[in-house]
Amino acid sequence: ALEGFVALAPDFLSPLGGTPSDEDKARDMFAKLDAAQVAADGVATVAYLKSLKDGNGKVGAVGFCWGGGAVNQLAVHAPNL
């Protein structure tokens, strides 16, 4: 926050009850997600972050493993990223 960054970590498993503490269960749940909905949620997240009055209008995204794939899809669907 001191450097001017706003961070947000969306729980893409919320539609299925949220991310469980058991990683194996989480991996199984990712396979049940609708890829188009994940992309739409990501685009909405970018729009939300860009609209924050305390932000600077810039948005970046990072992800690891499944999240890395989600970020790649976000880059395709959110050209203003």
PDB file of N, CA and C in Angstrom:
ATOM      1  N   ALA A   1       0.824  -1.192   0.000  1.00  0.00           N
ATOM      2  CA  ALA A   1       0.000   0.000   0.000  1.00  0.00           C
ATOM      3  C   ALA A   1       0.867   1.253   0.000  1.00  0.00           C
ATOM      4  N   LEU A   2       2.002   1.214   0.653  1.00  0.00           N
ATOM      5  CA  LEU A   2       2.869   2.385   0.701  1.00  0.00           C
ATOM      6  C   LEU A   2       3.415   2.745  -0.673  1.00  0.00           C
ATOM      7  N   GLU A   3       3.513   1.782  -1.550  1.00  0.00           N
ATOM      8  CA  GLU A   3       4.009   2.014  -2.906  1.00  0.00           C
ATOM      9  C   GLU A   3       2.878   2.355  -3.873  1.00  0.00           C
ATOM     10  N   GLY A   4       1.654   2.451  -3.372  1.00  0.00           N
ATOM     11  CA  GLY A   4       0.523   2.818  -4.211  1.00  0.00           C
ATOM     12  C   GLY A   4      -0.198   1.656  -4.862  1.00  0.00           C
ATOM     13  N   PHE A   5       0.126   0.446  -4.468  1.00  0.00           N
ATOM     14  CA  PHE A   5      -0.541  -0.719  -5.038  1.00  0.00           C
ATOM     15  C   PHE A   5      -1.804  -1.055  -4.255  1.00  0.00           C
ATOM     16  N   VAL A   6      -2.825  -1.461  -4.972  1.00  0.00           N
ATOM     17  CA  VAL A   6      -4.033  -2.017  -4.377  1.00  0.00           C
ATOM     18  C   VAL A   6      -4.045  -3.485  -4.790  1.00  0.00           C
ATOM     19  N   ALA A   7      -4.236  -4.378  -3.849  1.00  0.00           N
ATOM     20  CA  ALA A   7      -4.218  -5.811  -4.160  1.00  0.00           C
ATOM     21  C   ALA A   7      -5.594  -6.423  -3.930  1.00  0.00           C
ATOM     22  N   LEU A   8      -5.939  -7.361  -4.777  1.00  0.00           N
ATOM     23  CA  LEU A   8      -7.206  -8.075  -4.656  1.00  0.00           C
ATOM     24  C   LEU A   8      -6.958  -9.521  -5.070  1.00  0.00           C
ATOM     25  N   ALA A   9      -7.414 -10.442  -4.265  1.00  0.00           N
ATOM     26  CA  ALA A   9      -7.266 -11.866  -4.568  1.00  0.00           C
ATOM     27  C   ALA A   9      -8.658 -12.483  -4.649  1.00  0.00           C
ATOM     28  N   PRO A  10      -9.249 -12.495  -5.853  1.00  0.00           N
ATOM     29  CA  PRO A  10     -10.595 -13.057  -5.975  1.00  0.00           C
ATOM     30  C   PRO A  10     -10.591 -14.566  -5.738  1.00  0.00           C
ATOM     31  N   ASP A  11     -11.635 -15.046  -5.101  1.00  0.00           N
ATOM     32  CA  ASP A  11     -11.795 -16.484  -4.882  1.00  0.00           C
ATOM     33  C   ASP A  11     -12.693 -17.014  -5.994  1.00  0.00           C
ATOM     34  N   PHE A  12     -12.089 -17.493  -7.052  1.00  0.00           N
ATOM     35  CA  PHE A  12     -12.865 -17.975  -8.192  1.00  0.00           C
ATOM     36  C   PHE A  12     -13.673 -19.224  -7.862  1.00  0.00           C
ATOM     37  N   LEU A  13     -13.399 -19.846  -6.729  1.00  0.00           N
ATOM     38  CA  LEU A  13     -14.178 -21.014  -6.311  1.00  0.00           C
ATOM     39  C   LEU A  13     -15.392 -20.629  -5.468  1.00  0.00           C
ATOM     40  N   SER A  14     -15.643 -19.355  -5.301  1.00  0.00           N
ATOM     41  CA  SER A  14     -16.813 -18.913  -4.526  1.00  0.00           C
ATOM     42  C   SER A  14     -18.126 -19.529  -5.014  1.00  0.00           C
ATOM     43  N   PRO A  15     -18.349 -19.638  -6.337  1.00  0.00           N
ATOM     44  CA  PRO A  15     -19.610 -20.234  -6.791  1.00  0.00           C
ATOM     45  C   PRO A  15     -19.797 -21.684  -6.337  1.00  0.00           C
ATOM     46  N   LEU A  16     -18.697 -22.328  -5.952  1.00  0.00           N
ATOM     47  CA  LEU A  16     -18.761 -23.724  -5.520  1.00  0.00           C
ATOM     48  C   LEU A  16     -18.577 -23.855  -4.012  1.00  0.00           C
ATOM     49  N   GLY A  17     -18.720 -22.755  -3.300  1.00  0.00           N
ATOM     50  CA  GLY A  17     -18.605 -22.791  -1.843  1.00  0.00           C
ATOM     51  C   GLY A  17     -17.323 -22.204  -1.291  1.00  0.00           C
ATOM     52  N   GLY A  18     -16.443 -21.727  -2.161  1.00  0.00           N
ATOM     53  CA  GLY A  18     -15.190 -21.133  -1.707  1.00  0.00           C
ATOM     54  C   GLY A  18     -14.049 -22.129  -1.737  1.00  0.00           C
ATOM     55  N   THR A  19     -12.851 -21.605  -1.632  1.00  0.00           N
ATOM     56  CA  THR A  19     -11.661 -22.448  -1.693  1.00  0.00           C
ATOM     57  C   THR A  19     -11.481 -23.227  -0.402  1.00  0.00           C
ATOM     58  N   PRO A  20     -11.458 -24.555  -0.491  1.00  0.00           N
ATOM     59  CA  PRO A  20     -11.265 -25.370   0.711  1.00  0.00           C
ATOM     60  C   PRO A  20      -9.796 -25.365   1.141  1.00  0.00           C
ATOM     61  N   SER A  21      -9.548 -25.724   2.366  1.00  0.00           N
ATOM     62  CA  SER A  21      -8.165 -25.789   2.850  1.00  0.00           C
ATOM     63  C   SER A  21      -7.428 -26.995   2.266  1.00  0.00           C
ATOM     64  N   ASP A  22      -8.151 -27.997   1.837  1.00  0.00           N
ATOM     65  CA  ASP A  22      -7.557 -29.196   1.240  1.00  0.00           C
ATOM     66  C   ASP A  22      -7.236 -28.913  -0.235  1.00  0.00           C
ATOM     67  N   GLU A  23      -5.949 -28.898  -0.578  1.00  0.00           N
ATOM     68  CA  GLU A  23      -5.528 -28.570  -1.939  1.00  0.00           C
ATOM     69  C   GLU A  23      -6.056 -29.554  -2.976  1.00  0.00           C
ATOM     70  N   ASP A  24      -6.150 -30.825  -2.633  1.00  0.00           N
ATOM     71  CA  ASP A  24      -6.670 -31.814  -3.581  1.00  0.00           C
ATOM     72  C   ASP A  24      -8.129 -31.525  -3.916  1.00  0.00           C
ATOM     73  N   LYS A  25      -8.907 -31.165  -2.910  1.00  0.00           N
ATOM     74  CA  LYS A  25     -10.311 -30.808  -3.153  1.00  0.00           C
ATOM     75  C   LYS A  25     -10.393 -29.567  -4.034  1.00  0.00           C
ATOM     76  N   ALA A  26      -9.526 -28.599  -3.764  1.00  0.00           N
ATOM     77  CA  ALA A  26      -9.524 -27.374  -4.567  1.00  0.00           C
ATOM     78  C   ALA A  26      -9.223 -27.696  -6.029  1.00  0.00           C
ATOM     79  N   ARG A  27      -8.232 -28.538  -6.276  1.00  0.00           N
ATOM     80  CA  ARG A  27      -7.897 -28.922  -7.654  1.00  0.00           C
ATOM     81  C   ARG A  27      -9.089 -29.581  -8.345  1.00  0.00           C
ATOM     82  N   ASP A  28      -9.794 -30.433  -7.643  1.00  0.00           N
ATOM     83  CA  ASP A  28     -10.979 -31.070  -8.219  1.00  0.00           C
ATOM     84  C   ASP A  28     -12.054 -30.032  -8.544  1.00  0.00           C
ATOM     85  N   MET A  29     -12.190 -29.036  -7.689  1.00  0.00           N
ATOM     86  CA  MET A  29     -13.212 -28.006  -7.888  1.00  0.00           C
ATOM     87  C   MET A  29     -12.901 -27.122  -9.095  1.00  0.00           C
ATOM     88  N   PHE A  30     -11.618 -26.826  -9.329  1.00  0.00           N
ATOM     89  CA  PHE A  30     -11.259 -25.984 -10.472  1.00  0.00           C
ATOM     90  C   PHE A  30     -11.775 -26.584 -11.772  1.00  0.00           C
ATOM     91  N   ALA A  31     -11.754 -27.904 -11.883  1.00  0.00           N
ATOM     92  CA  ALA A  31     -12.219 -28.582 -13.096  1.00  0.00           C
ATOM     93  C   ALA A  31     -13.716 -28.390 -13.322  1.00  0.00           C
ATOM     94  N   LYS A  32     -14.448 -28.041 -12.288  1.00  0.00           N
ATOM     95  CA  LYS A  32     -15.899 -27.873 -12.388  1.00  0.00           C
ATOM     96  C   LYS A  32     -16.310 -26.452 -12.759  1.00  0.00           C
ATOM     97  N   LEU A  33     -15.356 -25.532 -12.798  1.00  0.00           N
ATOM     98  CA  LEU A  33     -15.677 -24.141 -13.103  1.00  0.00           C
ATOM     99  C   LEU A  33     -15.972 -23.948 -14.583  1.00  0.00           C
ATOM    100  N   ASP A  34     -16.822 -22.988 -14.877  1.00  0.00           N
ATOM    101  CA  ASP A  34     -17.138 -22.595 -16.243  1.00  0.00           C
ATOM    102  C   ASP A  34     -16.076 -21.584 -16.683  1.00  0.00           C
ATOM    103  N   ALA A  35     -15.267 -21.939 -17.676  1.00  0.00           N
ATOM    104  CA  ALA A  35     -14.157 -21.085 -18.106  1.00  0.00           C
ATOM    105  C   ALA A  35     -14.630 -19.710 -18.565  1.00  0.00           C
ATOM    106  N   ALA A  36     -15.771 -19.649 -19.240  1.00  0.00           N
ATOM    107  CA  ALA A  36     -16.294 -18.360 -19.697  1.00  0.00           C
ATOM    108  C   ALA A  36     -16.678 -17.481 -18.512  1.00  0.00           C
ATOM    109  N   GLN A  37     -17.222 -18.090 -17.470  1.00  0.00           N
ATOM    110  CA  GLN A  37     -17.599 -17.315 -16.286  1.00  0.00           C
ATOM    111  C   GLN A  37     -16.362 -16.824 -15.540  1.00  0.00           C
ATOM    112  N   VAL A  38     -15.335 -17.658 -15.471  1.00  0.00           N
ATOM    113  CA  VAL A  38     -14.080 -17.246 -14.829  1.00  0.00           C
ATOM    114  C   VAL A  38     -13.508 -16.036 -15.566  1.00  0.00           C
ATOM    115  N   ALA A  39     -13.501 -16.084 -16.900  1.00  0.00           N
ATOM    116  CA  ALA A  39     -12.996 -14.959 -17.688  1.00  0.00           C
ATOM    117  C   ALA A  39     -13.837 -13.713 -17.448  1.00  0.00           C
ATOM    118  N   ALA A  40     -15.151 -13.864 -17.429  1.00  0.00           N
ATOM    119  CA  ALA A  40     -16.035 -12.719 -17.188  1.00  0.00           C
ATOM    120  C   ALA A  40     -15.816 -12.142 -15.793  1.00  0.00           C
ATOM    121  N   ASP A  41     -15.633 -13.002 -14.807  1.00  0.00           N
ATOM    122  CA  ASP A  41     -15.361 -12.527 -13.448  1.00  0.00           C
ATOM    123  C   ASP A  41     -14.030 -11.785 -13.392  1.00  0.00           C
ATOM    124  N   GLY A  42     -13.046 -12.278 -14.117  1.00  0.00           N
ATOM    125  CA  GLY A  42     -11.753 -11.599 -14.166  1.00  0.00           C
ATOM    126  C   GLY A  42     -11.855 -10.225 -14.804  1.00  0.00           C
ATOM    127  N   VAL A  43     -12.589 -10.129 -15.903  1.00  0.00           N
ATOM    128  CA  VAL A  43     -12.797  -8.842 -16.573  1.00  0.00           C
ATOM    129  C   VAL A  43     -13.521  -7.877 -15.637  1.00  0.00           C
ATOM    130  N   ALA A  44     -14.518  -8.368 -14.912  1.00  0.00           N
ATOM    131  CA  ALA A  44     -15.240  -7.520 -13.953  1.00  0.00           C
ATOM    132  C   ALA A  44     -14.314  -7.061 -12.828  1.00  0.00           C
ATOM    133  N   THR A  45     -13.405  -7.927 -12.416  1.00  0.00           N
ATOM    134  CA  THR A  45     -12.448  -7.567 -11.371  1.00  0.00           C
ATOM    135  C   THR A  45     -11.526  -6.454 -11.852  1.00  0.00           C
ATOM    136  N   VAL A  46     -11.055  -6.549 -13.089  1.00  0.00           N
ATOM    137  CA  VAL A  46     -10.207  -5.493 -13.653  1.00  0.00           C
ATOM    138  C   VAL A  46     -10.972  -4.175 -13.692  1.00  0.00           C
ATOM    139  N   ALA A  47     -12.214  -4.208 -14.150  1.00  0.00           N
ATOM    140  CA  ALA A  47     -13.023  -2.986 -14.209  1.00  0.00           C
ATOM    141  C   ALA A  47     -13.206  -2.386 -12.821  1.00  0.00           C
ATOM    142  N   TYR A  48     -13.462  -3.229 -11.839  1.00  0.00           N
ATOM    143  CA  TYR A  48     -13.619  -2.748 -10.463  1.00  0.00           C
ATOM    144  C   TYR A  48     -12.342  -2.068  -9.981  1.00  0.00           C
ATOM    145  N   LEU A  49     -11.208  -2.716 -10.181  1.00  0.00           N
ATOM    146  CA  LEU A  49      -9.943  -2.141  -9.720  1.00  0.00           C
ATOM    147  C   LEU A  49      -9.639  -0.824 -10.420  1.00  0.00           C
ATOM    148  N   LYS A  50      -9.931  -0.736 -11.712  1.00  0.00           N
ATOM    149  CA  LYS A  50      -9.694   0.506 -12.442  1.00  0.00           C
ATOM    150  C   LYS A  50     -10.596   1.634 -11.954  1.00  0.00           C
ATOM    151  N   SER A  51     -11.732   1.288 -11.373  1.00  0.00           N
ATOM    152  CA  SER A  51     -12.686   2.310 -10.928  1.00  0.00           C
ATOM    153  C   SER A  51     -12.406   2.847  -9.529  1.00  0.00           C
ATOM    154  N   LEU A  52     -11.506   2.230  -8.797  1.00  0.00           N
ATOM    155  CA  LEU A  52     -11.255   2.652  -7.418  1.00  0.00           C
ATOM    156  C   LEU A  52     -10.660   4.050  -7.377  1.00  0.00           C
ATOM    157  N   LYS A  53     -11.250   4.910  -6.582  1.00  0.00           N
ATOM    158  CA  LYS A  53     -10.764   6.295  -6.501  1.00  0.00           C
ATOM    159  C   LYS A  53      -9.374   6.370  -5.875  1.00  0.00           C
ATOM    160  N   ASP A  54      -9.025   5.413  -5.037  1.00  0.00           N
ATOM    161  CA  ASP A  54      -7.705   5.414  -4.407  1.00  0.00           C
ATOM    162  C   ASP A  54      -6.648   4.720  -5.262  1.00  0.00           C
ATOM    163  N   GLY A  55      -7.050   4.195  -6.391  1.00  0.00           N
ATOM    164  CA  GLY A  55      -6.105   3.533  -7.281  1.00  0.00           C
ATOM    165  C   GLY A  55      -5.519   4.529  -8.271  1.00  0.00           C
ATOM    166  N   ASN A  56      -4.611   4.052  -9.097  1.00  0.00           N
ATOM    167  CA  ASN A  56      -4.008   4.920 -10.112  1.00  0.00           C
ATOM    168  C   ASN A  56      -4.494   4.576 -11.519  1.00  0.00           C
ATOM    169  N   GLY A  57      -5.467   3.674 -11.623  1.00  0.00           N
ATOM    170  CA  GLY A  57      -6.016   3.293 -12.917  1.00  0.00           C
ATOM    171  C   GLY A  57      -5.259   2.182 -13.618  1.00  0.00           C
ATOM    172  N   LYS A  58      -4.128   1.781 -13.059  1.00  0.00           N
ATOM    173  CA  LYS A  58      -3.343   0.702 -13.653  1.00  0.00           C
ATOM    174  C   LYS A  58      -3.663  -0.609 -12.950  1.00  0.00           C
ATOM    175  N   VAL A  59      -3.708  -1.686 -13.723  1.00  0.00           N
ATOM    176  CA  VAL A  59      -3.995  -3.004 -13.158  1.00  0.00           C
ATOM    177  C   VAL A  59      -3.027  -4.012 -13.759  1.00  0.00           C
ATOM    178  N   GLY A  60      -2.507  -4.865 -12.924  1.00  0.00           N
ATOM    179  CA  GLY A  60      -1.679  -5.978 -13.356  1.00  0.00           C
ATOM    180  C   GLY A  60      -2.262  -7.250 -12.767  1.00  0.00           C
ATOM    181  N   ALA A  61      -1.865  -8.370 -13.290  1.00  0.00           N
ATOM    182  CA  ALA A  61      -2.382  -9.642 -12.781  1.00  0.00           C
ATOM    183  C   ALA A  61      -1.271 -10.683 -12.782  1.00  0.00           C
ATOM    184  N   VAL A  62      -1.246 -11.482 -11.743  1.00  0.00           N
ATOM    185  CA  VAL A  62      -0.300 -12.592 -11.640  1.00  0.00           C
ATOM    186  C   VAL A  62      -1.061 -13.825 -11.181  1.00  0.00           C
ATOM    187  N   GLY A  63      -0.566 -14.971 -11.529  1.00  0.00           N
ATOM    188  CA  GLY A  63      -1.189 -16.209 -11.090  1.00  0.00           C
ATOM    189  C   GLY A  63      -0.184 -17.337 -11.127  1.00  0.00           C
ATOM    190  N   PHE A  64      -0.453 -18.351 -10.350  1.00  0.00           N
ATOM    191  CA  PHE A  64       0.417 -19.524 -10.275  1.00  0.00           C
ATOM    192  C   PHE A  64      -0.431 -20.761 -10.516  1.00  0.00           C
ATOM    193  N   CYS A  65       0.068 -21.676 -11.287  1.00  0.00           N
ATOM    194  CA  CYS A  65      -0.607 -22.936 -11.570  1.00  0.00           C
ATOM    195  C   CYS A  65      -1.951 -22.650 -12.251  1.00  0.00           C
ATOM    196  N   TRP A  66      -3.071 -23.059 -11.677  1.00  0.00           N
ATOM    197  CA  TRP A  66      -4.376 -22.791 -12.289  1.00  0.00           C
ATOM    198  C   TRP A  66      -4.556 -21.292 -12.474  1.00  0.00           C
ATOM    199  N   GLY A  67      -4.117 -20.513 -11.497  1.00  0.00           N
ATOM    200  CA  GLY A  67      -4.236 -19.058 -11.575  1.00  0.00           C
ATOM    201  C   GLY A  67      -3.431 -18.467 -12.724  1.00  0.00           C
ATOM    202  N   GLY A  68      -2.313 -19.102 -13.078  1.00  0.00           N
ATOM    203  CA  GLY A  68      -1.537 -18.641 -14.226  1.00  0.00           C
ATOM    204  C   GLY A  68      -2.329 -18.779 -15.516  1.00  0.00           C
ATOM    205  N   GLY A  69      -3.031 -19.896 -15.654  1.00  0.00           N
ATOM    206  CA  GLY A  69      -3.894 -20.076 -16.817  1.00  0.00           C
ATOM    207  C   GLY A  69      -5.030 -19.071 -16.830  1.00  0.00           C
ATOM    208  N   ALA A  70      -5.585 -18.795 -15.654  1.00  0.00           N
ATOM    209  CA  ALA A  70      -6.671 -17.814 -15.554  1.00  0.00           C
ATOM    210  C   ALA A  70      -6.171 -16.427 -15.947  1.00  0.00           C
ATOM    211  N   VAL A  71      -4.948 -16.088 -15.548  1.00  0.00           N
ATOM    212  CA  VAL A  71      -4.375 -14.788 -15.911  1.00  0.00           C
ATOM    213  C   VAL A  71      -4.130 -14.714 -17.416  1.00  0.00           C
ATOM    214  N   ASN A  72      -3.687 -15.804 -18.027  1.00  0.00           N
ATOM    215  CA  ASN A  72      -3.516 -15.811 -19.484  1.00  0.00           C
ATOM    216  C   ASN A  72      -4.846 -15.559 -20.181  1.00  0.00           C
ATOM    217  N   GLN A  73      -5.902 -16.198 -19.714  1.00  0.00           N
ATOM    218  CA  GLN A  73      -7.227 -15.965 -20.287  1.00  0.00           C
ATOM    219  C   GLN A  73      -7.691 -14.534 -20.040  1.00  0.00           C
ATOM    220  N   LEU A  74      -7.367 -14.007 -18.875  1.00  0.00           N
ATOM    221  CA  LEU A  74      -7.727 -12.617 -18.571  1.00  0.00           C
ATOM    222  C   LEU A  74      -7.046 -11.677 -19.560  1.00  0.00           C
ATOM    223  N   ALA A  75      -5.791 -11.924 -19.873  1.00  0.00           N
ATOM    224  CA  ALA A  75      -5.073 -11.080 -20.828  1.00  0.00           C
ATOM    225  C   ALA A  75      -5.746 -11.099 -22.200  1.00  0.00           C
ATOM    226  N   VAL A  76      -6.325 -12.229 -22.568  1.00  0.00           N
ATOM    227  CA  VAL A  76      -7.034 -12.338 -23.841  1.00  0.00           C
ATOM    228  C   VAL A  76      -8.347 -11.566 -23.799  1.00  0.00           C
ATOM    229  N   HIS A  77      -9.054 -11.640 -22.675  1.00  0.00           N
ATOM    230  CA  HIS A  77     -10.397 -11.066 -22.575  1.00  0.00           C
ATOM    231  C   HIS A  77     -10.431  -9.636 -22.044  1.00  0.00           C
ATOM    232  N   ALA A  78      -9.328  -9.159 -21.487  1.00  0.00           N
ATOM    233  CA  ALA A  78      -9.276  -7.790 -20.942  1.00  0.00           C
ATOM    234  C   ALA A  78      -8.099  -7.059 -21.583  1.00  0.00           C
ATOM    235  N   PRO A  79      -8.276  -6.577 -22.807  1.00  0.00           N
ATOM    236  CA  PRO A  79      -7.162  -5.930 -23.506  1.00  0.00           C
ATOM    237  C   PRO A  79      -6.657  -4.661 -22.812  1.00  0.00           C
ATOM    238  N   ASN A  80      -7.436  -4.112 -21.892  1.00  0.00           N
ATOM    239  CA  ASN A  80      -7.011  -2.909 -21.167  1.00  0.00           C
ATOM    240  C   ASN A  80      -6.248  -3.254 -19.897  1.00  0.00           C
ATOM    241  N   LEU A  81      -5.870  -4.512 -19.753  1.00  0.00           N
ATOM    242  CA  LEU A  81      -5.126  -4.960 -18.574  1.00  0.00           C
ATOM    243  C   LEU A  81      -3.729  -4.380 -18.612  1.00  0.00           C
TER     244      LEU A  81
END
